[in-house]
Amino acid sequence: MNTLIYNIDLLVGIREQNETCLSGKEMATLPSLAHAWLLIKDGIIYDWGEDNGILPHADCLIDTQGGMVLPTFCDSHTHLVYARSREQEFVDKIHGMSYEEIAQRGGGILNSADHLHEMSEEELYQQAMRRVHEIMRKGTGAVEIKSGYGLNTKDELKMLRVIRRIKETCPLTVVSTFLGAHAVGREYMERQDEYVNLIIKEMIPEVGRQQLADYIDVFCDKGFFTPDETDRILEAGDKWGLRPKIHGQELADSGGVEVAVRHHALSVDHLESMTERDIQLIQNYDFNQENHRDKQWKPLIPTALPGTSFFLNMPYAPGRRIIDEGLPLAIASDYNPGSTPSGDMKFVVSLACIKMRLTPEEAINAATLNSAAAMGLASECGSISKGKRANLIVTERIPSIDFIPYAYTTPLIRMVVLNGNVV
């Protein structure tokens, strides 16, 4: 079926399909076409052009009524499969408790693991789907979802099966990440090495055999997993073809970036405690290793999670510095029940501008094409490109692109199109 979107005030984010990641000054450009139309064929972007009064024939017509059209957000870091909210910890933080103090008393990730253990797979799926529909309405078209609230083999596999079911039953483009090393399971407290061995010898092989994950992640940070433990886990994952996406440098200078570089990670995420040495490590990282064994090898993408800094009242990742040093930057929501209970990528874009000093163009590129690249999806999503999925945001009539992050609580989305269909 052919669908024509017309009466577009501004078509935003037009790129050649081979543009799959933007770095440094490239991020300040957001190619657009005024007074445009866009043609979709069988769920794929087919063509576009200037509206001169002669429009292509189509089976279905969508009149934007003078709104803008841009690619849907790509959210490359979420934990949206979880069992219950944790608003009591929100109150604890108001009273002065730190994230680490809450974790040390058995709250935080372990609290979520306890609730998830008690919940059926069906109920877990139904809860997650409510969040899935929420983020779709807010303009997200592609999302990475991590496990990590199971912390034993049975419950980690349960989470990953739920993620697979989401992938199969909703129009979102979904990638799955195994994060058994999110924290040490409660039954292994004070026996962290044994838990690491469980991940390596039991969890990873089972995840690999059942083909339940696209990527592997480790929370390599103060109070969680050391660089040496992270090395061991990632080496085990590599044997099953699981490329890393690292939690690093959130709570301290933990060595997470160094591990990410060493293991050719697709992204290193958080970076609230990123150092000058970390920036240099990524600068010196060879983005063009022609002989790397992975034929789909792609660059290491620093990924900031400004919603986490907002909610936990902690420093923001140095996004402005990352871009100024010529590096790529992605931004993502970190949607989870403890540190970022929101998957609103429009708000993430606003935070990136307000708190990290990105321009609107840089922030939108970080939330679309570069975040798609941080999931290995840049050939499918993240820009207005011929041959990519027709995943599109249609806005209300707005005065400029800058208005999107400026009006940070105003509902601007008229409709969302995923795979060519209005959702």
Protein backbone atom coordinates (compact mmCIF):
# COMPACT_ATOMS: atom_id res chain seq x y z
CA MET A 1 0.00 0.00 0.00
CA ASN A 2 1.15 3.54 -0.78
CA THR A 3 0.69 6.36 1.72
CA LEU A 4 1.28 10.02 0.95
CA ILE A 5 1.96 12.48 3.75
CA TYR A 6 1.44 15.99 2.41
CA ASN A 7 1.04 19.64 3.41
CA ILE A 8 4.29 19.27 5.40
CA ASP A 9 5.64 22.62 6.60
CA LEU A 10 9.15 21.16 7.13
CA LEU A 11 10.49 17.66 6.44
CA VAL A 12 13.33 17.23 8.94
CA GLY A 13 16.36 14.94 9.03
CA ILE A 14 16.77 14.10 5.35
CA ARG A 15 19.90 12.02 4.77
CA GLU A 16 21.48 9.55 2.43
CA GLN A 17 20.99 6.01 3.70
CA ASN A 18 24.74 5.48 4.06
CA GLU A 19 24.97 8.23 6.69
CA THR A 20 24.85 6.06 9.79
CA CYS A 21 26.57 8.08 12.54
CA LEU A 22 27.36 11.76 13.00
CA SER A 23 30.42 13.08 14.84
CA GLY A 24 31.56 16.47 16.05
CA LYS A 25 30.52 19.36 13.82
CA GLU A 26 28.41 17.04 11.64
CA MET A 27 25.91 16.89 14.49
CA ALA A 28 25.02 20.56 14.05
CA THR A 29 23.48 19.91 10.62
CA LEU A 30 19.87 18.77 10.25
CA PRO A 31 19.02 18.79 6.52
CA SER A 32 15.39 19.72 5.91
CA LEU A 33 12.96 20.54 3.09
CA ALA A 34 10.22 23.17 3.39
CA HIS A 35 6.70 22.70 1.94
CA ALA A 36 7.17 18.99 1.27
CA TRP A 37 5.45 15.68 0.71
CA LEU A 38 6.64 12.18 1.65
CA LEU A 39 5.65 8.92 -0.07
CA ILE A 40 5.65 5.59 1.77
CA LYS A 41 5.46 2.21 0.02
CA ASP A 42 4.81 -0.96 2.02
CA GLY A 43 6.02 0.61 5.25
CA ILE A 44 9.25 1.98 3.76
CA ILE A 45 10.20 5.58 2.90
CA TYR A 46 10.09 5.65 -0.91
CA ASP A 47 10.43 9.28 -1.98
CA TRP A 48 9.84 12.90 -1.05
CA GLY A 49 9.80 16.26 -2.75
CA GLU A 50 8.72 19.87 -2.69
CA ASP A 51 4.97 20.44 -2.80
CA ASN A 52 4.48 22.41 -6.02
CA GLY A 53 0.84 21.45 -6.38
CA ILE A 54 1.49 18.15 -8.19
CA LEU A 55 1.49 15.20 -5.78
CA PRO A 56 2.19 11.48 -6.37
CA HIS A 57 -0.76 9.09 -6.43
CA ALA A 58 -1.30 7.12 -3.22
CA ASP A 59 -3.89 4.77 -1.72
CA CYS A 60 -3.91 6.61 1.61
CA LEU A 61 -3.49 10.32 2.30
CA ILE A 62 -2.31 11.97 5.52
CA ASP A 63 -2.68 15.75 5.74
CA THR A 64 -0.27 17.18 8.33
CA GLN A 65 -2.22 20.47 8.34
CA GLY A 66 1.04 22.37 8.22
CA GLY A 67 2.90 20.36 10.82
CA MET A 68 6.46 19.16 10.61
CA VAL A 69 7.59 15.58 9.92
CA LEU A 70 10.74 14.14 11.46
CA PRO A 71 12.09 10.66 12.20
CA THR A 72 10.84 9.05 15.38
CA PHE A 73 13.12 9.02 18.38
CA CYS A 74 15.42 6.04 18.85
CA ASP A 75 15.88 5.20 22.53
CA SER A 76 19.05 3.15 22.83
CA HIS A 77 19.06 2.53 26.60
CA THR A 78 15.99 1.42 28.59
CA HIS A 79 14.96 -1.01 31.30
CA LEU A 80 11.23 -0.76 30.64
CA VAL A 81 10.46 -4.41 31.49
CA TYR A 82 10.08 -4.32 35.26
CA ALA A 83 7.59 -5.47 37.86
CA ARG A 84 6.70 -2.47 40.00
CA SER A 85 7.38 1.21 40.50
CA ARG A 86 9.71 2.37 43.31
CA GLU A 87 8.23 5.67 44.44
CA GLN A 88 9.20 5.02 48.08
CA GLU A 89 12.83 5.30 47.03
CA PHE A 90 11.94 8.59 45.37
CA VAL A 91 10.80 9.84 48.78
CA ASP A 92 13.95 8.39 50.41
CA LYS A 93 16.06 10.45 48.02
CA ILE A 94 14.09 13.57 48.95
CA HIS A 95 15.05 12.84 52.57
CA GLY A 96 18.72 12.71 51.62
CA MET A 97 19.54 9.06 50.92
CA SER A 98 21.90 8.45 48.00
CA TYR A 99 21.45 5.92 45.20
CA GLU A 100 24.32 3.86 46.67
CA GLU A 101 22.86 3.97 50.21
CA ILE A 102 19.50 2.72 48.96
CA ALA A 103 21.25 -0.11 47.09
CA GLN A 104 23.35 -1.05 50.12
CA ARG A 105 20.28 -1.51 52.30
CA GLY A 106 18.75 -3.94 49.79
CA GLY A 107 16.72 -1.50 47.77
CA GLY A 108 17.28 -0.35 44.24
CA ILE A 109 17.90 -3.06 41.67
CA LEU A 110 17.49 -5.85 44.25
CA ASN A 111 14.07 -4.49 45.18
CA SER A 112 13.01 -4.70 41.53
CA ALA A 113 14.43 -8.22 41.29
CA ASP A 114 12.35 -9.35 44.28
CA HIS A 115 9.14 -8.04 42.71
CA LEU A 116 9.96 -9.50 39.31
CA HIS A 117 10.61 -12.94 40.81
CA GLU A 118 7.07 -12.98 42.18
CA MET A 119 5.37 -11.82 38.99
CA SER A 120 4.17 -14.14 36.23
CA GLU A 121 5.58 -13.79 32.73
CA GLU A 122 2.17 -12.81 31.39
CA GLU A 123 1.67 -10.05 33.94
CA LEU A 124 5.20 -8.80 33.32
CA TYR A 125 4.46 -8.60 29.61
CA GLN A 126 1.16 -6.76 30.15
CA GLN A 127 2.81 -4.21 32.45
CA ALA A 128 5.65 -3.66 29.98
CA MET A 129 3.24 -3.20 27.08
CA ARG A 130 1.58 -0.29 28.87
CA ARG A 131 4.98 1.43 28.90
CA VAL A 132 5.58 0.43 25.29
CA HIS A 133 2.36 2.15 24.20
CA GLU A 134 3.29 5.16 26.31
CA ILE A 135 6.65 5.68 24.60
CA MET A 136 5.16 5.12 21.15
CA ARG A 137 2.63 7.89 21.79
CA LYS A 138 5.51 10.13 22.84
CA GLY A 139 7.33 9.58 19.56
CA THR A 140 9.71 6.64 20.08
CA GLY A 141 9.95 4.27 17.12
CA ALA A 142 12.95 2.10 18.04
CA VAL A 143 14.04 0.99 21.50
CA GLU A 144 16.65 -1.12 23.24
CA ILE A 145 15.33 -3.06 26.25
CA LYS A 146 17.64 -4.65 28.82
CA SER A 147 17.13 -7.50 31.22
CA GLY A 148 18.82 -7.13 34.62
CA TYR A 149 16.00 -7.33 37.15
CA GLY A 150 16.10 -11.12 37.28
CA LEU A 151 19.58 -11.69 38.70
CA ASN A 152 19.21 -15.46 38.48
CA THR A 153 19.08 -17.62 35.39
CA LYS A 154 15.35 -18.38 35.47
CA ASP A 155 14.22 -14.79 35.93
CA GLU A 156 16.72 -13.29 33.48
CA LEU A 157 15.42 -15.68 30.83
CA LYS A 158 11.86 -14.74 31.77
CA MET A 159 12.66 -11.07 31.16
CA LEU A 160 14.33 -11.80 27.84
CA ARG A 161 11.35 -13.87 26.68
CA VAL A 162 9.09 -10.91 27.51
CA ILE A 163 11.35 -8.62 25.47
CA ARG A 164 11.20 -11.07 22.56
CA ARG A 165 7.41 -11.12 22.80
CA ILE A 166 7.30 -7.31 22.74
CA LYS A 167 9.46 -7.41 19.62
CA GLU A 168 7.03 -9.84 17.99
CA THR A 169 3.76 -8.15 18.98
CA CYS A 170 4.22 -4.40 18.63
CA PRO A 171 5.23 -2.08 15.78
CA LEU A 172 8.26 -0.72 17.64
CA THR A 173 11.67 -1.76 16.34
CA VAL A 174 13.16 -3.55 19.38
CA VAL A 175 16.64 -4.79 20.25
CA SER A 176 17.34 -6.91 23.32
CA THR A 177 20.29 -6.70 25.72
CA PHE A 178 21.26 -9.26 28.37
CA LEU A 179 22.22 -7.45 31.59
CA GLY A 180 22.59 -10.23 34.13
CA ALA A 181 25.50 -8.19 35.52
CA HIS A 182 23.25 -5.35 36.67
CA ALA A 183 23.85 -6.15 40.34
CA VAL A 184 24.77 -9.20 42.40
CA GLY A 185 21.72 -11.38 43.01
CA ARG A 186 20.46 -11.35 46.59
CA GLU A 187 21.30 -15.03 47.18
CA TYR A 188 24.91 -14.30 46.18
CA MET A 189 25.50 -11.34 48.48
CA GLU A 190 29.11 -11.36 49.74
CA ARG A 191 29.88 -13.99 47.08
CA GLN A 192 30.24 -11.79 44.02
CA ASP A 193 32.79 -14.01 42.29
CA GLU A 194 30.34 -16.92 42.43
CA TYR A 195 27.67 -14.75 40.85
CA VAL A 196 30.04 -13.72 38.06
CA ASN A 197 30.75 -17.41 37.45
CA LEU A 198 26.99 -18.08 37.28
CA ILE A 199 26.63 -15.40 34.60
CA ILE A 200 29.55 -16.80 32.61
CA LYS A 201 28.90 -20.53 32.93
CA GLU A 202 25.11 -20.70 33.02
CA MET A 203 23.29 -17.50 32.05
CA ILE A 204 25.24 -16.50 28.94
CA PRO A 205 25.27 -19.99 27.37
CA GLU A 206 21.52 -20.31 27.91
CA VAL A 207 20.83 -16.86 26.51
CA GLY A 208 23.01 -17.74 23.53
CA ARG A 209 21.41 -21.13 22.92
CA GLN A 210 17.91 -19.63 22.97
CA GLN A 211 19.02 -16.58 20.93
CA LEU A 212 17.30 -14.24 23.36
CA ALA A 213 19.63 -11.22 23.15
CA ASP A 214 21.29 -9.04 20.54
CA TYR A 215 23.78 -7.47 22.97
CA ILE A 216 25.36 -7.91 26.39
CA ASP A 217 25.83 -5.24 29.05
CA VAL A 218 27.62 -4.93 32.40
CA PHE A 219 27.20 -2.30 35.10
CA CYS A 220 30.93 -1.56 35.39
CA ASP A 221 30.93 1.00 38.19
CA LYS A 222 31.70 1.67 41.83
CA GLY A 223 29.86 -0.79 44.06
CA PHE A 224 28.83 -3.03 41.17
CA PHE A 225 31.21 -4.88 38.79
CA THR A 226 34.94 -4.28 38.42
CA PRO A 227 36.76 -3.92 35.10
CA ASP A 228 38.31 -7.38 35.57
CA GLU A 229 34.91 -8.95 36.18
CA THR A 230 33.51 -7.05 33.23
CA ASP A 231 36.32 -8.37 31.02
CA ARG A 232 35.47 -11.95 31.97
CA ILE A 233 31.76 -11.49 31.32
CA LEU A 234 32.26 -9.79 27.97
CA GLU A 235 34.73 -12.45 26.82
CA ALA A 236 32.10 -15.10 27.60
CA GLY A 237 29.46 -13.12 25.73
CA ASP A 238 31.72 -12.73 22.73
CA LYS A 239 31.78 -16.51 22.28
CA TRP A 240 28.02 -16.33 21.67
CA GLY A 241 28.22 -13.34 19.34
CA LEU A 242 26.94 -10.81 21.91
CA ARG A 243 28.54 -7.41 21.34
CA PRO A 244 28.85 -5.17 24.43
CA LYS A 245 26.90 -2.05 25.40
CA ILE A 246 28.50 -0.87 28.65
CA HIS A 247 27.11 0.95 31.70
CA GLY A 248 30.15 3.02 32.68
CA GLN A 249 31.36 6.08 34.57
CA GLU A 250 27.98 6.81 36.18
CA LEU A 251 28.87 6.82 39.88
CA ALA A 252 32.67 7.15 39.69
CA ASP A 253 35.70 6.94 37.44
CA SER A 254 35.24 3.19 37.18
CA GLY A 255 37.24 2.24 34.07
CA GLY A 256 34.07 1.63 32.08
CA VAL A 257 35.23 3.52 29.00
CA GLU A 258 38.54 1.66 28.95
CA VAL A 259 36.69 -1.66 29.07
CA ALA A 260 34.34 -0.51 26.29
CA VAL A 261 37.29 0.41 24.07
CA ARG A 262 39.08 -2.84 24.80
CA HIS A 263 36.06 -4.95 23.87
CA HIS A 264 34.88 -2.94 20.83
CA ALA A 265 31.60 -2.04 22.52
CA LEU A 266 28.86 -0.54 20.41
CA SER A 267 28.19 2.11 23.05
CA VAL A 268 29.30 3.21 26.49
CA ASP A 269 26.42 4.72 28.41
CA HIS A 270 25.87 7.10 31.36
CA LEU A 271 29.24 8.95 31.50
CA GLU A 272 28.21 11.28 34.31
CA SER A 273 31.73 10.79 35.77
CA MET A 274 33.54 10.83 32.42
CA THR A 275 37.14 12.05 32.57
CA GLU A 276 39.50 13.77 30.15
CA ARG A 277 41.32 10.47 29.79
CA ASP A 278 38.06 8.78 28.74
CA ILE A 279 37.57 11.33 25.97
CA GLN A 280 41.12 10.73 24.76
CA LEU A 281 40.61 6.97 24.80
CA ILE A 282 37.60 7.29 22.52
CA GLN A 283 39.38 9.82 20.31
CA ASN A 284 42.22 7.35 19.83
CA TYR A 285 39.82 4.50 19.12
CA ASP A 286 40.05 3.42 15.48
CA PHE A 287 36.57 3.81 13.98
CA ASN A 288 37.65 2.24 10.68
CA GLN A 289 39.13 -1.15 11.46
CA GLU A 290 38.66 -2.82 8.10
CA ASN A 291 39.93 -6.19 9.26
CA HIS A 292 37.90 -6.53 12.43
CA ARG A 293 36.31 -9.98 12.53
CA ASP A 294 32.81 -8.43 12.86
CA LYS A 295 31.82 -7.41 9.33
CA GLN A 296 29.11 -5.16 10.78
CA TRP A 297 31.67 -3.43 13.03
CA LYS A 298 30.60 0.08 13.96
CA PRO A 299 32.08 2.87 16.10
CA LEU A 300 31.95 3.15 19.86
CA ILE A 301 29.25 5.72 20.60
CA PRO A 302 29.26 7.70 23.85
CA THR A 303 25.68 7.77 25.10
CA ALA A 304 24.39 10.28 27.64
CA LEU A 305 21.31 9.71 29.79
CA PRO A 306 20.29 13.20 30.93
CA GLY A 307 17.03 11.99 32.49
CA THR A 308 19.07 10.08 35.07
CA SER A 309 21.01 13.19 36.05
CA PHE A 310 17.75 15.15 36.30
CA PHE A 311 15.98 12.58 38.47
CA LEU A 312 18.94 11.75 40.73
CA ASN A 313 20.13 15.35 40.93
CA MET A 314 23.63 14.40 39.83
CA PRO A 315 26.10 15.83 37.30
CA TYR A 316 25.31 15.53 33.60
CA ALA A 317 27.52 13.74 31.10
CA PRO A 318 29.81 16.22 29.29
CA GLY A 319 27.83 16.10 26.06
CA ARG A 320 29.00 19.52 24.84
CA ARG A 321 32.63 18.54 25.36
CA ILE A 322 32.16 15.16 23.66
CA ILE A 323 30.84 16.83 20.50
CA ASP A 324 33.42 19.63 20.58
CA GLU A 325 36.16 17.01 20.68
CA GLY A 326 34.89 15.59 17.39
CA LEU A 327 33.16 12.52 18.80
CA PRO A 328 29.67 11.14 18.16
CA LEU A 329 27.04 11.45 20.87
CA ALA A 330 23.76 9.62 21.39
CA ILE A 331 21.16 10.38 24.04
CA ALA A 332 18.66 7.94 25.53
CA SER A 333 16.07 7.86 28.30
CA ASP A 334 17.31 5.10 30.68
CA TYR A 335 13.62 4.41 31.40
CA ASN A 336 13.58 2.34 34.62
CA PRO A 337 11.74 2.29 37.96
CA GLY A 338 14.57 3.55 40.16
CA SER A 339 16.63 6.30 38.56
CA THR A 340 14.61 7.43 35.54
CA PRO A 341 10.89 6.56 35.56
CA SER A 342 10.25 8.23 32.21
CA GLY A 343 10.67 7.27 28.57
CA ASP A 344 9.80 10.71 27.22
CA MET A 345 12.48 11.32 24.59
CA LYS A 346 11.21 14.81 23.80
CA PHE A 347 12.03 15.76 27.40
CA VAL A 348 15.44 14.08 27.03
CA VAL A 349 16.10 16.29 23.99
CA SER A 350 15.15 19.36 26.05
CA LEU A 351 17.45 18.33 28.90
CA ALA A 352 20.30 17.80 26.44
CA CYS A 353 19.85 21.38 25.27
CA ILE A 354 19.25 23.00 28.65
CA LYS A 355 21.71 21.07 30.82
CA MET A 356 24.33 19.76 28.39
CA ARG A 357 24.32 22.84 26.10
CA LEU A 358 23.58 20.99 22.88
CA THR A 359 21.90 22.91 20.08
CA PRO A 360 18.43 21.67 19.05
CA GLU A 361 19.94 20.19 15.87
CA GLU A 362 22.61 18.32 17.82
CA ALA A 363 20.13 17.02 20.36
CA ILE A 364 17.69 15.79 17.71
CA ASN A 365 20.51 14.05 15.82
CA ALA A 366 21.69 12.48 19.09
CA ALA A 367 18.15 11.20 19.77
CA THR A 368 17.52 9.87 16.27
CA LEU A 369 20.33 8.81 13.91
CA ASN A 370 23.08 8.45 16.51
CA SER A 371 20.86 6.64 18.97
CA ALA A 372 19.82 4.31 16.16
CA ALA A 373 23.53 3.72 15.52
CA ALA A 374 23.99 2.92 19.22
CA MET A 375 21.58 0.01 18.68
CA GLY A 376 23.05 -1.11 15.36
CA LEU A 377 19.88 0.13 13.62
CA ALA A 378 21.12 3.15 11.67
CA SER A 379 20.58 1.39 8.34
CA GLU A 380 16.87 0.98 9.26
CA CYS A 381 15.88 3.95 11.42
CA GLY A 382 16.83 7.40 12.62
CA SER A 383 16.54 9.60 9.52
CA ILE A 384 14.39 10.44 6.53
CA SER A 385 16.19 8.18 4.05
CA LYS A 386 14.95 6.17 1.10
CA GLY A 387 14.72 2.51 2.02
CA LYS A 388 14.45 3.06 5.77
CA ARG A 389 11.41 2.22 7.87
CA ALA A 390 8.69 4.84 7.67
CA ASN A 391 8.92 5.66 11.39
CA LEU A 392 7.79 9.27 11.62
CA ILE A 393 6.60 11.96 14.01
CA VAL A 394 4.00 14.40 12.67
CA THR A 395 3.89 17.53 14.81
CA GLU A 396 1.26 20.13 15.39
CA ARG A 397 1.86 23.39 13.55
CA ILE A 398 4.96 24.84 15.26
CA PRO A 399 7.13 27.85 14.42
CA SER A 400 10.52 26.13 14.19
CA ILE A 401 12.58 23.07 15.06
CA ASP A 402 13.94 25.00 18.05
CA PHE A 403 10.41 25.04 19.48
CA ILE A 404 10.57 21.27 20.13
CA PRO A 405 13.13 21.41 22.99
CA TYR A 406 12.05 24.94 23.98
CA ALA A 407 8.44 23.97 24.74
CA TYR A 408 9.58 21.14 26.95
CA THR A 409 6.19 20.14 28.40
CA THR A 410 3.94 21.15 25.51
CA PRO A 411 2.35 18.20 23.69
CA LEU A 412 3.48 18.77 20.12
CA ILE A 413 2.96 15.36 18.52
CA ARG A 414 -0.12 15.16 16.29
CA MET A 415 0.49 11.54 15.28
CA VAL A 416 3.14 8.83 15.15
CA VAL A 417 3.66 6.59 12.12
CA LEU A 418 5.49 3.27 12.54
CA ASN A 419 6.29 1.08 9.56
CA GLY A 420 3.99 3.27 7.49
CA ASN A 421 0.97 2.94 9.79
CA VAL A 422 -0.50 5.48 12.18
CA VAL A 423 -0.33 4.13 15.76
